[in-house]
Amino acid sequence: MSEIGFIGLGLMGDAMVQCLQGKGHALTVMANVSRANVDAAVARGAAEVGTAREVAAASDIVMLCMGTSEQVESRMNGADGVMAGLRPGAVVIDFGTSLPASTRALGEAVAKAGGTYLDAPLGRTPSHALDGALNIMCSGDKAAFDKVKPVLDDLGENVFHLGDLGSGHTIKLINNFFGMTVANAMAEAFAMADTQGVDRQQVYDVMSAGPLHSGMMDFVKGYGVDGDPNQLQFAIKNAAKDVGYYAQMAADAGVDSIMSKSALEGLSTARDAGRGDDMVSQMVDFYADHFKA
């Protein structure tokens, strides 16, 4: 068993830590805002340290599950960062959804520090993480990937190697852009049904009977028709971040994304109006209120 360090015990990270511990892995963790999750991990046998540098010093594999590129960079850099304590030959894995340009820059820095950096954004939900059934979109050095794949297999049902460093984050941002665009379109469709006096269930029945039917449509229907916001456990603020990163990725490449603009405007406006912690399926309410304004 490798010695694993884990930083970022939020909703997804906590589920991943539980899965790893359940499969016999020894973990080192550090405190963050999710204090209860850290305490629970320690109670199950994890070692707690105070800094990312100490996590790295205790680990052959360092895993990060953070919300933004800025958060990842803050844990990687500086006197108390991961790179300051990195073991020779260690592998660092970013499971979050980050900007590819940031990922590639960190990869160069980690290589100079004697380690290897992989990006491995995730698909599916925390409940899948508990069961070791995530989709893992990993990219970077193939030898390092092969080295850590047995651990990734403990976390994921489908583990992909997607090429050069940053490819995983690139594909994840494309994936999330598409998914959030579909989700927003479906949310507005339900809200538009209200303005036209037609039944949301009937709208869903007709649309889902044809080629438009998708899992994302069902997630939004779960709230828009059935009142359950948690079939897609993805907050509006996180969706806005990811679509914003997609637009930034496009700008970095010197191109202008047309399709992301409407989804980003809707998500950002909802977030700024205090709906950031709502689930994406609850964008139905945002569009319904928007039509009434």
C-alpha atoms as a PDB file:
ATOM      1  CA  MET A   1       0.000   0.000   0.000  1.00  0.00           C
ATOM      2  CA  SER A   2       1.250   3.480  -0.865  1.00  0.00           C
ATOM      3  CA  GLU A   3       1.257   6.205   1.749  1.00  0.00           C
ATOM      4  CA  ILE A   4      -1.451   8.635   0.659  1.00  0.00           C
ATOM      5  CA  GLY A   5      -1.947  12.259   1.611  1.00  0.00           C
ATOM      6  CA  PHE A   6      -5.349  13.841   1.001  1.00  0.00           C
ATOM      7  CA  ILE A   7      -6.144  17.571   0.986  1.00  0.00           C
ATOM      8  CA  GLY A   8      -9.718  18.784   0.607  1.00  0.00           C
ATOM      9  CA  LEU A   9     -12.259  16.788   2.602  1.00  0.00           C
ATOM     10  CA  GLY A  10     -15.377  18.453   1.295  1.00  0.00           C
ATOM     11  CA  LEU A  11     -18.415  16.551   0.085  1.00  0.00           C
ATOM     12  CA  MET A  12     -16.559  14.634  -2.635  1.00  0.00           C
ATOM     13  CA  GLY A  13     -13.179  14.455  -0.901  1.00  0.00           C
ATOM     14  CA  ASP A  14     -14.681  13.048   2.282  1.00  0.00           C
ATOM     15  CA  ALA A  15     -16.427  10.298   0.325  1.00  0.00           C
ATOM     16  CA  MET A  16     -13.169   9.447  -1.451  1.00  0.00           C
ATOM     17  CA  VAL A  17     -11.278   9.311   1.846  1.00  0.00           C
ATOM     18  CA  GLN A  18     -13.896   6.958   3.290  1.00  0.00           C
ATOM     19  CA  CYS A  19     -13.555   4.722   0.237  1.00  0.00           C
ATOM     20  CA  LEU A  20      -9.762   4.638   0.456  1.00  0.00           C
ATOM     21  CA  GLN A  21      -9.802   3.890   4.172  1.00  0.00           C
ATOM     22  CA  GLY A  22     -12.372   1.178   3.647  1.00  0.00           C
ATOM     23  CA  LYS A  23      -9.978  -0.493   1.229  1.00  0.00           C
ATOM     24  CA  GLY A  24      -7.110  -0.463   3.700  1.00  0.00           C
ATOM     25  CA  HIS A  25      -5.119   2.590   2.645  1.00  0.00           C
ATOM     26  CA  ALA A  26      -3.281   4.622   5.292  1.00  0.00           C
ATOM     27  CA  LEU A  27      -3.975   8.329   4.915  1.00  0.00           C
ATOM     28  CA  THR A  28      -2.530  11.614   6.130  1.00  0.00           C
ATOM     29  CA  VAL A  29      -4.949  14.556   6.101  1.00  0.00           C
ATOM     30  CA  MET A  30      -4.886  18.221   7.064  1.00  0.00           C
ATOM     31  CA  ALA A  31      -7.523  20.427   8.625  1.00  0.00           C
ATOM     32  CA  ASN A  32      -9.749  22.580   6.459  1.00  0.00           C
ATOM     33  CA  VAL A  33     -13.212  24.119   6.693  1.00  0.00           C
ATOM     34  CA  SER A  34     -14.799  20.655   6.830  1.00  0.00           C
ATOM     35  CA  ARG A  35     -13.608  20.014  10.374  1.00  0.00           C
ATOM     36  CA  ALA A  36     -16.170  17.298  11.051  1.00  0.00           C
ATOM     37  CA  ASN A  37     -14.964  15.300   8.036  1.00  0.00           C
ATOM     38  CA  VAL A  38     -11.347  15.528   9.204  1.00  0.00           C
ATOM     39  CA  ASP A  39     -12.312  14.393  12.703  1.00  0.00           C
ATOM     40  CA  ALA A  40     -14.191  11.435  11.231  1.00  0.00           C
ATOM     41  CA  ALA A  41     -11.227  10.468   9.050  1.00  0.00           C
ATOM     42  CA  VAL A  42      -8.906  10.622  12.065  1.00  0.00           C
ATOM     43  CA  ALA A  43     -11.341   8.506  14.058  1.00  0.00           C
ATOM     44  CA  ARG A  44     -11.111   5.890  11.296  1.00  0.00           C
ATOM     45  CA  GLY A  45      -7.309   5.889  11.577  1.00  0.00           C
ATOM     46  CA  ALA A  46      -5.989   8.754   9.440  1.00  0.00           C
ATOM     47  CA  ALA A  47      -3.081  10.859  10.689  1.00  0.00           C
ATOM     48  CA  GLU A  48      -3.676  14.617  10.866  1.00  0.00           C
ATOM     49  CA  VAL A  49      -0.989  17.231  10.216  1.00  0.00           C
ATOM     50  CA  GLY A  50      -1.101  21.006  10.098  1.00  0.00           C
ATOM     51  CA  THR A  51       0.213  21.944   6.654  1.00  0.00           C
ATOM     52  CA  ALA A  52       0.257  20.759   3.057  1.00  0.00           C
ATOM     53  CA  ARG A  53       4.037  20.506   3.326  1.00  0.00           C
ATOM     54  CA  GLU A  54       3.656  17.949   6.127  1.00  0.00           C
ATOM     55  CA  VAL A  55       1.075  16.031   4.096  1.00  0.00           C
ATOM     56  CA  ALA A  56       3.561  15.772   1.223  1.00  0.00           C
ATOM     57  CA  ALA A  57       6.440  14.791   3.512  1.00  0.00           C
ATOM     58  CA  ALA A  58       4.386  11.835   4.773  1.00  0.00           C
ATOM     59  CA  SER A  59       3.128  10.644   1.383  1.00  0.00           C
ATOM     60  CA  ASP A  60       4.111   8.838  -1.799  1.00  0.00           C
ATOM     61  CA  ILE A  61       0.868  10.004  -3.427  1.00  0.00           C
ATOM     62  CA  VAL A  62      -0.624  13.418  -2.645  1.00  0.00           C
ATOM     63  CA  MET A  63      -4.265  13.895  -3.623  1.00  0.00           C
ATOM     64  CA  LEU A  64      -6.050  17.249  -3.815  1.00  0.00           C
ATOM     65  CA  CYS A  65      -9.813  17.678  -4.149  1.00  0.00           C
ATOM     66  CA  MET A  66     -10.295  21.443  -4.159  1.00  0.00           C
ATOM     67  CA  GLY A  67     -12.866  23.796  -5.619  1.00  0.00           C
ATOM     68  CA  THR A  68     -10.783  26.179  -7.736  1.00  0.00           C
ATOM     69  CA  SER A  69      -7.404  26.557  -9.397  1.00  0.00           C
ATOM     70  CA  GLU A  70      -6.570  29.287  -6.893  1.00  0.00           C
ATOM     71  CA  GLN A  71      -7.185  26.893  -4.007  1.00  0.00           C
ATOM     72  CA  VAL A  72      -5.013  24.224  -5.601  1.00  0.00           C
ATOM     73  CA  GLU A  73      -2.221  26.715  -6.210  1.00  0.00           C
ATOM     74  CA  SER A  74      -2.408  27.927  -2.610  1.00  0.00           C
ATOM     75  CA  ARG A  75      -1.916  24.374  -1.326  1.00  0.00           C
ATOM     76  CA  MET A  76       0.866  23.591  -3.791  1.00  0.00           C
ATOM     77  CA  ASN A  77       2.992  26.731  -3.484  1.00  0.00           C
ATOM     78  CA  GLY A  78       4.793  28.525  -0.671  1.00  0.00           C
ATOM     79  CA  ALA A  79       6.854  27.537   2.338  1.00  0.00           C
ATOM     80  CA  ASP A  80       4.060  25.343   3.722  1.00  0.00           C
ATOM     81  CA  GLY A  81       2.886  24.030   0.360  1.00  0.00           C
ATOM     82  CA  VAL A  82       3.024  20.544  -1.087  1.00  0.00           C
ATOM     83  CA  MET A  83       6.091  21.229  -3.207  1.00  0.00           C
ATOM     84  CA  ALA A  84       8.067  22.331  -0.148  1.00  0.00           C
ATOM     85  CA  GLY A  85       7.714  18.863   1.378  1.00  0.00           C
ATOM     86  CA  LEU A  86       7.526  16.674  -1.707  1.00  0.00           C
ATOM     87  CA  ARG A  87       9.246  13.293  -1.540  1.00  0.00           C
ATOM     88  CA  PRO A  88      11.502  12.369  -4.481  1.00  0.00           C
ATOM     89  CA  GLY A  89       9.431  10.461  -7.028  1.00  0.00           C
ATOM     90  CA  ALA A  90       6.106  11.331  -5.401  1.00  0.00           C
ATOM     91  CA  VAL A  91       2.983  11.700  -7.530  1.00  0.00           C
ATOM     92  CA  VAL A  92       0.579  14.602  -6.981  1.00  0.00           C
ATOM     93  CA  ILE A  93      -2.987  14.217  -8.289  1.00  0.00           C
ATOM     94  CA  ASP A  94      -5.449  17.097  -8.724  1.00  0.00           C
ATOM     95  CA  PHE A  95      -8.969  15.641  -8.629  1.00  0.00           C
ATOM     96  CA  GLY A  96     -10.666  19.023  -8.888  1.00  0.00           C
ATOM     97  CA  THR A  97     -11.759  20.905 -11.988  1.00  0.00           C
ATOM     98  CA  SER A  98      -8.988  23.393 -12.710  1.00  0.00           C
ATOM     99  CA  LEU A  99      -7.827  25.624 -15.532  1.00  0.00           C
ATOM    100  CA  PRO A 100      -5.571  23.625 -17.886  1.00  0.00           C
ATOM    101  CA  ALA A 101      -3.019  26.458 -18.032  1.00  0.00           C
ATOM    102  CA  SER A 102      -2.677  26.398 -14.237  1.00  0.00           C
ATOM    103  CA  THR A 103      -2.370  22.622 -14.323  1.00  0.00           C
ATOM    104  CA  ARG A 104       0.454  22.680 -16.848  1.00  0.00           C
ATOM    105  CA  ALA A 105       2.328  25.369 -14.901  1.00  0.00           C
ATOM    106  CA  LEU A 106       2.056  23.358 -11.684  1.00  0.00           C
ATOM    107  CA  GLY A 107       3.230  20.273 -13.566  1.00  0.00           C
ATOM    108  CA  GLU A 108       6.453  22.020 -14.547  1.00  0.00           C
ATOM    109  CA  ALA A 109       7.013  23.191 -10.970  1.00  0.00           C
ATOM    110  CA  VAL A 110       6.379  19.745  -9.486  1.00  0.00           C
ATOM    111  CA  ALA A 111       8.820  18.185 -11.976  1.00  0.00           C
ATOM    112  CA  LYS A 112      11.510  20.640 -10.848  1.00  0.00           C
ATOM    113  CA  ALA A 113      10.752  19.639  -7.243  1.00  0.00           C
ATOM    114  CA  GLY A 114      11.369  15.968  -8.097  1.00  0.00           C
ATOM    115  CA  GLY A 115       7.821  14.688  -8.469  1.00  0.00           C
ATOM    116  CA  THR A 116       5.133  14.188 -11.099  1.00  0.00           C
ATOM    117  CA  TYR A 117       1.821  16.018 -11.395  1.00  0.00           C
ATOM    118  CA  LEU A 118      -1.343  14.436 -12.806  1.00  0.00           C
ATOM    119  CA  ASP A 119      -4.744  15.980 -13.384  1.00  0.00           C
ATOM    120  CA  ALA A 120      -7.646  13.624 -12.755  1.00  0.00           C
ATOM    121  CA  PRO A 121     -11.010  15.404 -12.658  1.00  0.00           C
ATOM    122  CA  LEU A 122     -13.993  13.352 -11.625  1.00  0.00           C
ATOM    123  CA  GLY A 123     -17.364  12.355 -12.983  1.00  0.00           C
ATOM    124  CA  ARG A 124     -20.367  11.132 -10.989  1.00  0.00           C
ATOM    125  CA  THR A 125     -21.381  11.925  -7.428  1.00  0.00           C
ATOM    126  CA  PRO A 126     -20.170  11.551  -3.818  1.00  0.00           C
ATOM    127  CA  SER A 127     -22.362   8.477  -3.466  1.00  0.00           C
ATOM    128  CA  HIS A 128     -20.421   6.900  -6.332  1.00  0.00           C
ATOM    129  CA  ALA A 129     -17.192   7.930  -4.608  1.00  0.00           C
ATOM    130  CA  LEU A 130     -18.202   6.040  -1.482  1.00  0.00           C
ATOM    131  CA  ASP A 131     -18.654   2.933  -3.606  1.00  0.00           C
ATOM    132  CA  GLY A 132     -15.416   3.371  -5.569  1.00  0.00           C
ATOM    133  CA  ALA A 133     -17.445   3.934  -8.732  1.00  0.00           C
ATOM    134  CA  LEU A 134     -16.257   7.334  -9.963  1.00  0.00           C
ATOM    135  CA  ASN A 135     -15.309   8.191 -13.531  1.00  0.00           C
ATOM    136  CA  ILE A 136     -11.708   9.440 -13.395  1.00  0.00           C
ATOM    137  CA  MET A 137     -10.321  11.467 -16.320  1.00  0.00           C
ATOM    138  CA  CYS A 138      -6.572  11.312 -15.705  1.00  0.00           C
ATOM    139  CA  SER A 139      -3.806  12.776 -17.827  1.00  0.00           C
ATOM    140  CA  GLY A 140      -0.080  13.367 -17.555  1.00  0.00           C
ATOM    141  CA  ASP A 141       3.025  11.180 -17.516  1.00  0.00           C
ATOM    142  CA  LYS A 142       1.997   7.619 -18.443  1.00  0.00           C
ATOM    143  CA  ALA A 143       4.561   5.951 -16.184  1.00  0.00           C
ATOM    144  CA  ALA A 144       3.274   7.926 -13.194  1.00  0.00           C
ATOM    145  CA  PHE A 145      -0.298   7.055 -14.170  1.00  0.00           C
ATOM    146  CA  ASP A 146       0.569   3.362 -14.318  1.00  0.00           C
ATOM    147  CA  LYS A 147       2.216   3.659 -10.907  1.00  0.00           C
ATOM    148  CA  VAL A 148      -0.894   5.068  -9.211  1.00  0.00           C
ATOM    149  CA  LYS A 149      -3.550   3.269 -11.278  1.00  0.00           C
ATOM    150  CA  PRO A 150      -4.159   0.532  -8.661  1.00  0.00           C
ATOM    151  CA  VAL A 151      -5.172   3.280  -6.229  1.00  0.00           C
ATOM    152  CA  LEU A 152      -7.263   5.042  -8.874  1.00  0.00           C
ATOM    153  CA  ASP A 153      -8.975   1.718  -9.568  1.00  0.00           C
ATOM    154  CA  ASP A 154      -9.995   1.613  -5.911  1.00  0.00           C
ATOM    155  CA  LEU A 155     -11.744   4.963  -6.400  1.00  0.00           C
ATOM    156  CA  GLY A 156     -13.113   4.618  -9.905  1.00  0.00           C
ATOM    157  CA  GLU A 157     -15.202   2.267 -11.990  1.00  0.00           C
ATOM    158  CA  ASN A 158     -13.963   3.887 -15.203  1.00  0.00           C
ATOM    159  CA  VAL A 159     -10.384   5.174 -15.112  1.00  0.00           C
ATOM    160  CA  PHE A 160      -9.175   6.895 -18.284  1.00  0.00           C
ATOM    161  CA  HIS A 161      -5.700   8.044 -19.322  1.00  0.00           C
ATOM    162  CA  LEU A 162      -6.293  10.933 -21.702  1.00  0.00           C
ATOM    163  CA  GLY A 163      -2.837  12.011 -22.824  1.00  0.00           C
ATOM    164  CA  ASP A 164      -0.664  14.971 -21.952  1.00  0.00           C
ATOM    165  CA  LEU A 165      -1.014  16.890 -18.696  1.00  0.00           C
ATOM    166  CA  GLY A 166      -4.042  19.185 -18.778  1.00  0.00           C
ATOM    167  CA  SER A 167      -6.046  16.988 -21.145  1.00  0.00           C
ATOM    168  CA  GLY A 168      -8.181  15.677 -18.293  1.00  0.00           C
ATOM    169  CA  HIS A 169      -9.131  19.167 -17.147  1.00  0.00           C
ATOM    170  CA  THR A 170      -9.745  20.232 -20.734  1.00  0.00           C
ATOM    171  CA  ILE A 171     -12.155  17.359 -21.367  1.00  0.00           C
ATOM    172  CA  LYS A 172     -13.844  17.861 -17.980  1.00  0.00           C
ATOM    173  CA  LEU A 173     -14.470  21.541 -18.744  1.00  0.00           C
ATOM    174  CA  ILE A 174     -15.921  20.648 -22.149  1.00  0.00           C
ATOM    175  CA  ASN A 175     -18.066  18.003 -20.448  1.00  0.00           C
ATOM    176  CA  ASN A 176     -19.329  20.405 -17.774  1.00  0.00           C
ATOM    177  CA  PHE A 177     -19.949  23.211 -20.259  1.00  0.00           C
ATOM    178  CA  PHE A 178     -22.169  20.887 -22.276  1.00  0.00           C
ATOM    179  CA  GLY A 179     -23.925  19.482 -19.214  1.00  0.00           C
ATOM    180  CA  MET A 180     -24.621  22.875 -17.639  1.00  0.00           C
ATOM    181  CA  THR A 181     -25.839  24.307 -20.950  1.00  0.00           C
ATOM    182  CA  VAL A 182     -28.321  21.430 -21.263  1.00  0.00           C
ATOM    183  CA  ALA A 183     -29.370  21.809 -17.616  1.00  0.00           C
ATOM    184  CA  ASN A 184     -30.033  25.524 -18.008  1.00  0.00           C
ATOM    185  CA  ALA A 185     -31.969  24.994 -21.226  1.00  0.00           C
ATOM    186  CA  MET A 186     -34.165  22.404 -19.532  1.00  0.00           C
ATOM    187  CA  ALA A 187     -34.665  24.614 -16.469  1.00  0.00           C
ATOM    188  CA  GLU A 188     -35.803  27.500 -18.657  1.00  0.00           C
ATOM    189  CA  ALA A 189     -38.027  25.144 -20.656  1.00  0.00           C
ATOM    190  CA  PHE A 190     -39.936  24.207 -17.487  1.00  0.00           C
ATOM    191  CA  ALA A 191     -40.186  27.865 -16.464  1.00  0.00           C
ATOM    192  CA  MET A 192     -41.413  28.792 -19.955  1.00  0.00           C
ATOM    193  CA  ALA A 193     -44.058  26.085 -19.693  1.00  0.00           C
ATOM    194  CA  ASP A 194     -45.424  27.915 -16.652  1.00  0.00           C
ATOM    195  CA  THR A 195     -45.721  31.181 -18.559  1.00  0.00           C
ATOM    196  CA  GLN A 196     -47.609  29.421 -21.347  1.00  0.00           C
ATOM    197  CA  GLY A 197     -49.965  27.563 -19.040  1.00  0.00           C
ATOM    198  CA  VAL A 198     -48.855  24.067 -19.983  1.00  0.00           C
ATOM    199  CA  ASP A 199     -47.965  21.271 -17.583  1.00  0.00           C
ATOM    200  CA  ARG A 200     -44.284  20.627 -16.817  1.00  0.00           C
ATOM    201  CA  GLN A 201     -44.835  16.870 -16.707  1.00  0.00           C
ATOM    202  CA  GLN A 202     -46.342  16.937 -20.185  1.00  0.00           C
ATOM    203  CA  VAL A 203     -43.411  18.959 -21.486  1.00  0.00           C
ATOM    204  CA  TYR A 204     -41.065  16.350 -20.038  1.00  0.00           C
ATOM    205  CA  ASP A 205     -43.091  13.427 -21.393  1.00  0.00           C
ATOM    206  CA  VAL A 206     -42.966  14.785 -24.947  1.00  0.00           C
ATOM    207  CA  MET A 207     -39.313  15.835 -24.872  1.00  0.00           C
ATOM    208  CA  SER A 208     -38.070  12.637 -23.230  1.00  0.00           C
ATOM    209  CA  ALA A 209     -39.871  10.462 -25.792  1.00  0.00           C
ATOM    210  CA  GLY A 210     -37.515  11.658 -28.516  1.00  0.00           C
ATOM    211  CA  PRO A 211     -33.797  12.163 -29.142  1.00  0.00           C
ATOM    212  CA  LEU A 212     -33.584  15.055 -26.657  1.00  0.00           C
ATOM    213  CA  HIS A 213     -33.845  12.669 -23.735  1.00  0.00           C
ATOM    214  CA  SER A 214     -30.760  12.641 -21.496  1.00  0.00           C
ATOM    215  CA  GLY A 215     -29.661  12.014 -17.961  1.00  0.00           C
ATOM    216  CA  MET A 216     -29.253  15.771 -17.426  1.00  0.00           C
ATOM    217  CA  MET A 217     -32.860  16.313 -18.502  1.00  0.00           C
ATOM    218  CA  ASP A 218     -33.908  13.746 -15.901  1.00  0.00           C
ATOM    219  CA  PHE A 219     -31.863  15.466 -13.184  1.00  0.00           C
ATOM    220  CA  VAL A 220     -33.590  18.801 -13.830  1.00  0.00           C
ATOM    221  CA  LYS A 221     -36.972  17.082 -14.046  1.00  0.00           C
ATOM    222  CA  GLY A 222     -36.200  15.565 -10.648  1.00  0.00           C
ATOM    223  CA  TYR A 223     -36.625  19.019  -9.149  1.00  0.00           C
ATOM    224  CA  GLY A 224     -38.740  20.848 -11.713  1.00  0.00           C
ATOM    225  CA  VAL A 225     -41.473  18.197 -11.637  1.00  0.00           C
ATOM    226  CA  ASP A 226     -40.776  15.941  -8.650  1.00  0.00           C
ATOM    227  CA  GLY A 227     -39.383  18.489  -6.185  1.00  0.00           C
ATOM    228  CA  ASP A 228     -36.105  16.659  -5.430  1.00  0.00           C
ATOM    229  CA  PRO A 229     -33.067  18.954  -5.933  1.00  0.00           C
ATOM    230  CA  ASN A 230     -30.463  16.362  -4.989  1.00  0.00           C
ATOM    231  CA  GLN A 231     -30.525  13.989  -7.933  1.00  0.00           C
ATOM    232  CA  LEU A 232     -27.714  16.179  -9.265  1.00  0.00           C
ATOM    233  CA  GLN A 233     -25.604  17.204  -6.264  1.00  0.00           C
ATOM    234  CA  PHE A 234     -23.863  20.109  -7.971  1.00  0.00           C
ATOM    235  CA  ALA A 235     -24.196  23.649  -6.640  1.00  0.00           C
ATOM    236  CA  ILE A 236     -24.967  26.638  -8.854  1.00  0.00           C
ATOM    237  CA  LYS A 237     -21.818  28.424  -7.683  1.00  0.00           C
ATOM    238  CA  ASN A 238     -19.664  25.460  -8.762  1.00  0.00           C
ATOM    239  CA  ALA A 239     -21.433  25.237 -12.106  1.00  0.00           C
ATOM    240  CA  ALA A 240     -20.808  28.954 -12.687  1.00  0.00           C
ATOM    241  CA  LYS A 241     -17.140  28.444 -11.851  1.00  0.00           C
ATOM    242  CA  ASP A 242     -16.754  25.561 -14.296  1.00  0.00           C
ATOM    243  CA  VAL A 243     -18.525  27.291 -17.183  1.00  0.00           C
ATOM    244  CA  GLY A 244     -16.445  30.379 -16.427  1.00  0.00           C
ATOM    245  CA  TYR A 245     -13.293  28.254 -16.591  1.00  0.00           C
ATOM    246  CA  TYR A 246     -14.466  26.849 -19.925  1.00  0.00           C
ATOM    247  CA  ALA A 247     -14.857  30.382 -21.278  1.00  0.00           C
ATOM    248  CA  GLN A 248     -11.422  31.302 -19.906  1.00  0.00           C
ATOM    249  CA  MET A 249      -9.910  28.202 -21.513  1.00  0.00           C
ATOM    250  CA  ALA A 250     -11.402  29.309 -24.830  1.00  0.00           C
ATOM    251  CA  ALA A 251     -10.045  32.835 -24.391  1.00  0.00           C
ATOM    252  CA  ASP A 252      -6.594  31.465 -23.533  1.00  0.00           C
ATOM    253  CA  ALA A 253      -6.711  29.609 -26.852  1.00  0.00           C
ATOM    254  CA  GLY A 254      -7.591  32.840 -28.683  1.00  0.00           C
ATOM    255  CA  VAL A 255     -11.173  31.855 -29.509  1.00  0.00           C
ATOM    256  CA  ASP A 256     -14.550  33.227 -28.428  1.00  0.00           C
ATOM    257  CA  SER A 257     -17.095  30.787 -27.007  1.00  0.00           C
ATOM    258  CA  ILE A 258     -20.586  31.740 -28.131  1.00  0.00           C
ATOM    259  CA  MET A 259     -22.608  28.955 -26.514  1.00  0.00           C
ATOM    260  CA  SER A 260     -21.196  29.341 -23.007  1.00  0.00           C
ATOM    261  CA  LYS A 261     -22.348  32.950 -22.688  1.00  0.00           C
ATOM    262  CA  SER A 262     -26.022  32.294 -21.954  1.00  0.00           C
ATOM    263  CA  ALA A 263     -25.389  29.465 -19.476  1.00  0.00           C
ATOM    264  CA  LEU A 264     -22.747  31.534 -17.699  1.00  0.00           C
ATOM    265  CA  GLU A 265     -25.012  34.579 -17.529  1.00  0.00           C
ATOM    266  CA  GLY A 266     -27.828  32.548 -16.002  1.00  0.00           C
ATOM    267  CA  LEU A 267     -25.655  30.736 -13.477  1.00  0.00           C
ATOM    268  CA  SER A 268     -23.680  33.834 -12.491  1.00  0.00           C
ATOM    269  CA  THR A 269     -26.815  35.948 -12.077  1.00  0.00           C
ATOM    270  CA  ALA A 270     -28.422  33.255  -9.919  1.00  0.00           C
ATOM    271  CA  ARG A 271     -25.253  32.925  -7.827  1.00  0.00           C
ATOM    272  CA  ASP A 272     -24.980  36.683  -7.320  1.00  0.00           C
ATOM    273  CA  ALA A 273     -28.639  36.790  -6.284  1.00  0.00           C
ATOM    274  CA  GLY A 274     -27.910  34.472  -3.354  1.00  0.00           C
ATOM    275  CA  ARG A 275     -28.758  31.144  -4.976  1.00  0.00           C
ATOM    276  CA  GLY A 276     -25.153  29.897  -5.173  1.00  0.00           C
ATOM    277  CA  ASP A 277     -25.626  27.059  -2.698  1.00  0.00           C
ATOM    278  CA  ASP A 278     -28.775  25.798  -4.444  1.00  0.00           C
ATOM    279  CA  MET A 279     -28.424  22.803  -6.721  1.00  0.00           C
ATOM    280  CA  VAL A 280     -28.277  23.300 -10.489  1.00  0.00           C
ATOM    281  CA  SER A 281     -31.726  21.755 -10.947  1.00  0.00           C
ATOM    282  CA  GLN A 282     -33.125  24.632  -8.873  1.00  0.00           C
ATOM    283  CA  MET A 283     -32.270  26.984 -11.727  1.00  0.00           C
ATOM    284  CA  VAL A 284     -35.905  26.241 -12.638  1.00  0.00           C
ATOM    285  CA  ASP A 285     -36.886  28.614  -9.828  1.00  0.00           C
ATOM    286  CA  PHE A 286     -34.421  31.252 -10.994  1.00  0.00           C
ATOM    287  CA  TYR A 287     -35.857  31.281 -14.509  1.00  0.00           C
ATOM    288  CA  ALA A 288     -39.441  31.199 -13.222  1.00  0.00           C
ATOM    289  CA  ASP A 289     -38.753  34.243 -11.018  1.00  0.00           C
ATOM    290  CA  HIS A 290     -36.912  35.932 -13.904  1.00  0.00           C
ATOM    291  CA  PHE A 291     -39.975  35.587 -16.124  1.00  0.00           C
ATOM    292  CA  LYS A 292     -42.190  37.097 -13.405  1.00  0.00           C
ATOM    293  CA  ALA A 293     -39.925  40.116 -12.846  1.00  0.00           C
END
